[in-house]
Protein backbone atom coordinates (compact mmCIF):
# COMPACT_ATOMS: atom_id res chain seq x y z
CA MET A 1 125.21 27.56 -3.86
CA THR A 2 125.60 23.82 -3.37
CA GLU A 3 126.53 22.41 0.01
CA LYS A 4 129.62 20.68 -1.39
CA ASN A 5 130.96 24.04 -2.49
CA SER A 6 129.93 25.94 0.63
CA PHE A 7 133.40 25.82 2.20
CA TYR A 8 135.10 27.21 -0.89
CA ASN A 9 132.38 29.82 -1.30
CA GLN A 10 133.04 30.99 2.25
CA ILE A 11 136.57 31.89 1.14
CA LEU A 12 135.32 33.56 -2.03
CA GLU A 13 132.90 35.63 0.04
CA ASP A 14 135.83 37.50 1.59
CA LYS A 15 135.69 41.07 0.35
CA LYS A 16 139.45 41.43 0.66
CA PHE A 17 142.10 38.77 0.34
CA PHE A 18 145.19 40.97 0.51
CA THR A 19 144.95 42.40 4.01
CA LEU A 20 147.78 43.36 6.34
CA SER A 21 146.83 40.44 8.58
CA ASN A 22 147.04 37.92 5.73
CA GLY A 23 150.27 39.57 4.58
CA LEU A 24 151.87 38.83 7.96
CA THR A 25 150.72 35.22 7.67
CA PHE A 26 152.19 34.91 4.15
CA LEU A 27 155.42 36.44 5.46
CA ARG A 28 155.66 33.69 8.07
CA ILE A 29 155.35 31.09 5.32
CA LEU A 30 158.01 32.83 3.21
CA LEU A 31 160.39 32.99 6.18
CA THR A 32 160.27 29.21 6.68
CA PRO A 33 162.65 28.17 3.84
CA VAL A 34 165.06 30.93 4.89
CA ILE A 35 165.03 29.58 8.44
CA VAL A 36 165.60 26.01 7.22
CA ILE A 37 168.57 27.12 5.09
CA GLY A 38 169.96 28.97 8.09
CA ILE A 39 169.66 25.80 10.19
CA PHE A 40 171.63 23.73 7.68
CA TYR A 41 174.35 26.40 7.53
CA GLU A 42 174.23 26.64 11.35
CA LYS A 43 173.63 30.39 11.39
CA TRP A 44 172.11 30.09 14.83
CA THR A 45 171.81 33.76 15.74
CA LEU A 46 170.06 34.55 12.45
CA VAL A 47 167.80 31.51 12.79
CA PHE A 48 166.86 32.45 16.35
CA LEU A 49 165.97 36.02 15.34
CA LEU A 50 163.93 34.84 12.35
CA ILE A 51 162.00 32.29 14.42
CA LEU A 52 161.39 34.92 17.08
CA PHE A 53 160.19 37.35 14.39
CA ALA A 54 157.94 34.65 12.92
CA GLY A 55 156.44 34.12 16.36
CA VAL A 56 155.76 37.85 16.63
CA THR A 57 153.97 37.84 13.27
CA ASP A 58 151.81 34.97 14.56
CA VAL A 59 150.65 37.20 17.41
CA LEU A 60 150.35 40.31 15.27
CA ASP A 61 148.28 38.84 12.44
CA GLY A 62 145.49 37.89 14.82
CA TYR A 63 145.65 41.24 16.62
CA VAL A 64 145.65 43.21 13.37
CA ALA A 65 142.75 41.15 11.99
CA ARG A 66 140.62 41.94 15.05
CA ALA A 67 141.72 45.54 15.54
CA PHE A 68 141.24 46.59 11.91
CA ASN A 69 138.29 44.33 11.10
CA GLN A 70 140.37 42.23 8.69
CA ILE A 71 139.14 38.81 9.78
CA THR A 72 138.75 36.65 6.67
CA ASN A 73 137.96 32.99 6.04
CA LEU A 74 141.21 32.76 4.08
CA GLY A 75 143.14 34.10 7.05
CA LYS A 76 141.50 31.59 9.41
CA ILE A 77 142.80 28.80 7.18
CA LEU A 78 146.23 30.23 6.38
CA ASP A 79 147.18 31.10 9.96
CA PRO A 80 147.26 27.52 11.33
CA ILE A 81 148.76 26.25 8.07
CA ALA A 82 151.59 28.80 8.37
CA ASP A 83 152.22 27.67 11.96
CA LYS A 84 152.31 24.01 10.95
CA ILE A 85 154.69 24.66 8.04
CA LEU A 86 157.06 26.70 10.21
CA LEU A 87 157.18 24.35 13.19
CA ILE A 88 157.33 21.07 11.27
CA CYS A 89 160.08 22.37 8.97
CA CYS A 90 162.11 23.69 11.92
CA PHE A 91 161.82 20.46 13.91
CA ALA A 92 162.53 18.33 10.83
CA ALA A 93 165.60 20.39 9.86
CA LEU A 94 167.03 20.24 13.40
CA ALA A 95 166.33 16.49 13.64
CA PHE A 96 168.00 15.87 10.27
CA LEU A 97 171.04 17.97 11.18
CA GLN A 98 171.51 16.06 14.45
CA SER A 99 173.40 18.88 16.11
CA PRO A 100 174.28 18.07 19.74
CA SER A 101 173.21 21.60 20.66
CA PHE A 102 169.69 21.06 19.26
CA PRO A 103 168.75 17.43 20.02
CA ILE A 104 165.41 16.87 18.32
CA PRO A 105 164.62 13.13 18.13
CA LYS A 106 163.25 11.87 14.84
CA TRP A 107 160.34 10.13 16.56
CA PHE A 108 159.18 13.53 17.80
CA VAL A 109 159.08 14.90 14.24
CA LEU A 110 157.26 11.79 13.02
CA PHE A 111 154.74 12.18 15.83
CA ILE A 112 154.01 15.80 14.89
CA VAL A 113 153.70 14.95 11.19
CA CYS A 114 151.26 12.11 11.96
CA ARG A 115 149.16 14.39 14.17
CA GLU A 116 148.94 17.11 11.55
CA SER A 117 148.22 14.57 8.82
CA ILE A 118 145.25 13.23 10.79
CA ILE A 119 143.88 16.76 11.30
CA ILE A 120 144.35 17.71 7.64
CA PHE A 121 142.81 14.46 6.39
CA GLY A 122 139.85 14.86 8.72
CA SER A 123 139.31 18.44 7.54
CA TYR A 124 139.49 17.28 3.92
CA VAL A 125 136.87 14.58 4.51
CA ILE A 126 134.53 17.09 6.18
CA VAL A 127 134.87 19.52 3.27
CA LYS A 128 134.63 16.80 0.63
CA THR A 129 131.38 15.46 2.07
CA GLY A 130 129.83 18.92 1.87
CA ARG A 131 129.37 19.55 5.56
CA LYS A 132 129.33 23.14 6.74
CA PHE A 133 132.83 23.58 8.05
CA LYS A 134 133.77 26.43 10.35
CA VAL A 135 137.47 26.99 10.91
CA GLU A 136 137.96 27.92 14.55
CA PRO A 137 141.14 27.40 16.61
CA THR A 138 140.81 25.51 19.88
CA TRP A 139 142.46 26.47 23.15
CA SER A 140 144.42 23.20 23.21
CA GLY A 141 145.55 23.72 19.61
CA LYS A 142 146.76 27.22 20.41
CA LEU A 143 148.63 25.99 23.49
CA THR A 144 150.24 23.16 21.51
CA THR A 145 151.51 25.61 18.88
CA LEU A 146 152.71 28.04 21.56
CA PHE A 147 154.57 25.36 23.53
CA GLN A 148 156.22 23.98 20.40
CA LEU A 149 157.46 27.46 19.49
CA ILE A 150 158.67 28.07 23.06
CA PHE A 151 160.48 24.72 23.00
CA ILE A 152 162.45 25.70 19.88
CA LEU A 153 163.30 29.15 21.24
CA TRP A 154 164.27 27.61 24.58
CA LEU A 155 166.77 25.31 22.82
CA PHE A 156 168.39 28.34 21.23
CA ILE A 157 168.55 30.21 24.53
CA CYS A 158 170.21 27.17 26.14
CA TYR A 159 172.70 27.10 23.26
CA PHE A 160 173.58 30.80 23.60
CA PHE A 161 174.07 30.58 27.37
CA GLY A 162 175.75 27.18 27.33
CA TRP A 163 173.06 25.55 29.47
CA VAL A 164 172.51 21.78 29.50
CA PRO A 165 169.22 21.35 31.44
CA ALA A 166 168.67 17.67 30.65
CA ARG A 167 165.78 17.24 33.11
CA THR A 168 163.82 20.15 31.62
CA TYR A 169 164.53 18.90 28.10
CA HIS A 170 163.17 15.41 28.77
CA THR A 171 160.18 16.83 30.66
CA LEU A 172 159.26 18.98 27.66
CA LEU A 173 159.63 16.00 25.32
CA VAL A 174 156.97 14.26 27.40
CA LEU A 175 154.64 17.24 27.88
CA LEU A 176 154.62 18.38 24.24
CA PRO A 177 153.27 15.06 22.86
CA LEU A 178 150.68 14.99 25.66
CA PHE A 179 149.41 18.44 24.70
CA SER A 180 149.46 17.38 21.05
CA ILE A 181 147.36 14.31 21.82
CA LEU A 182 144.94 16.39 23.89
CA SER A 183 144.45 18.91 21.08
CA LEU A 184 144.10 16.08 18.53
CA LEU A 185 141.34 14.48 20.60
CA GLN A 186 139.58 17.83 20.82
CA TYR A 187 139.77 18.24 17.03
CA ILE A 188 138.48 14.68 16.54
CA LYS A 189 135.56 15.44 18.86
CA ILE A 190 134.75 18.58 16.86
CA GLY A 191 135.11 16.69 13.58
CA THR A 192 132.83 13.84 14.59
CA GLY A 193 130.31 16.45 15.65
CA TYR A 194 129.95 17.51 12.02
CA PHE A 195 129.09 13.94 11.00
CA ASN A 196 126.59 13.53 13.82
CA LYS A 197 124.52 16.44 12.55
CA LYS A 198 121.50 15.27 10.60
CA ASN A 199 121.26 18.44 8.52
CA TYR A 200 124.38 19.72 6.80
């Protein structure tokens, strides 16, 4: 086994690809285009329920993987990818629609896309250079994903109850990028650690 193929071989070493945990992750990915279509047709109740369900699958896939010993390298990769696809698509669709009930600024979407692009590019460089790459979520990354999901659900709750909490909205628009930057710096620190190792 060559070092440059070690990352891919880690995935191939999984005894089972089609586990219940990975199935829940795939389901979250499949739900994303349905949610986006619902946003463009302004089916807000359906969209809210689907996003809420997607959030539940995010919690369940990790629990199922640990409880039933279904932790796989494929699942470790797919889980954050599914989260990124769901959240970016939801934010982008809402920003494009420009509904007054769901005011997502375009700069916010661009910021998230740039952050994720940096993380993905850094991961690609680490894998491409043959360094032993271990996919592990960070606490700041988990919090960033959680807060982004809560932010979307909170917008829907405000819509259903007719709330217009402008101060809370602007506060969240400041806090979310700060958490995103914090998690990005943590990922960069982890990534540079791989390059500082003499033996890889």
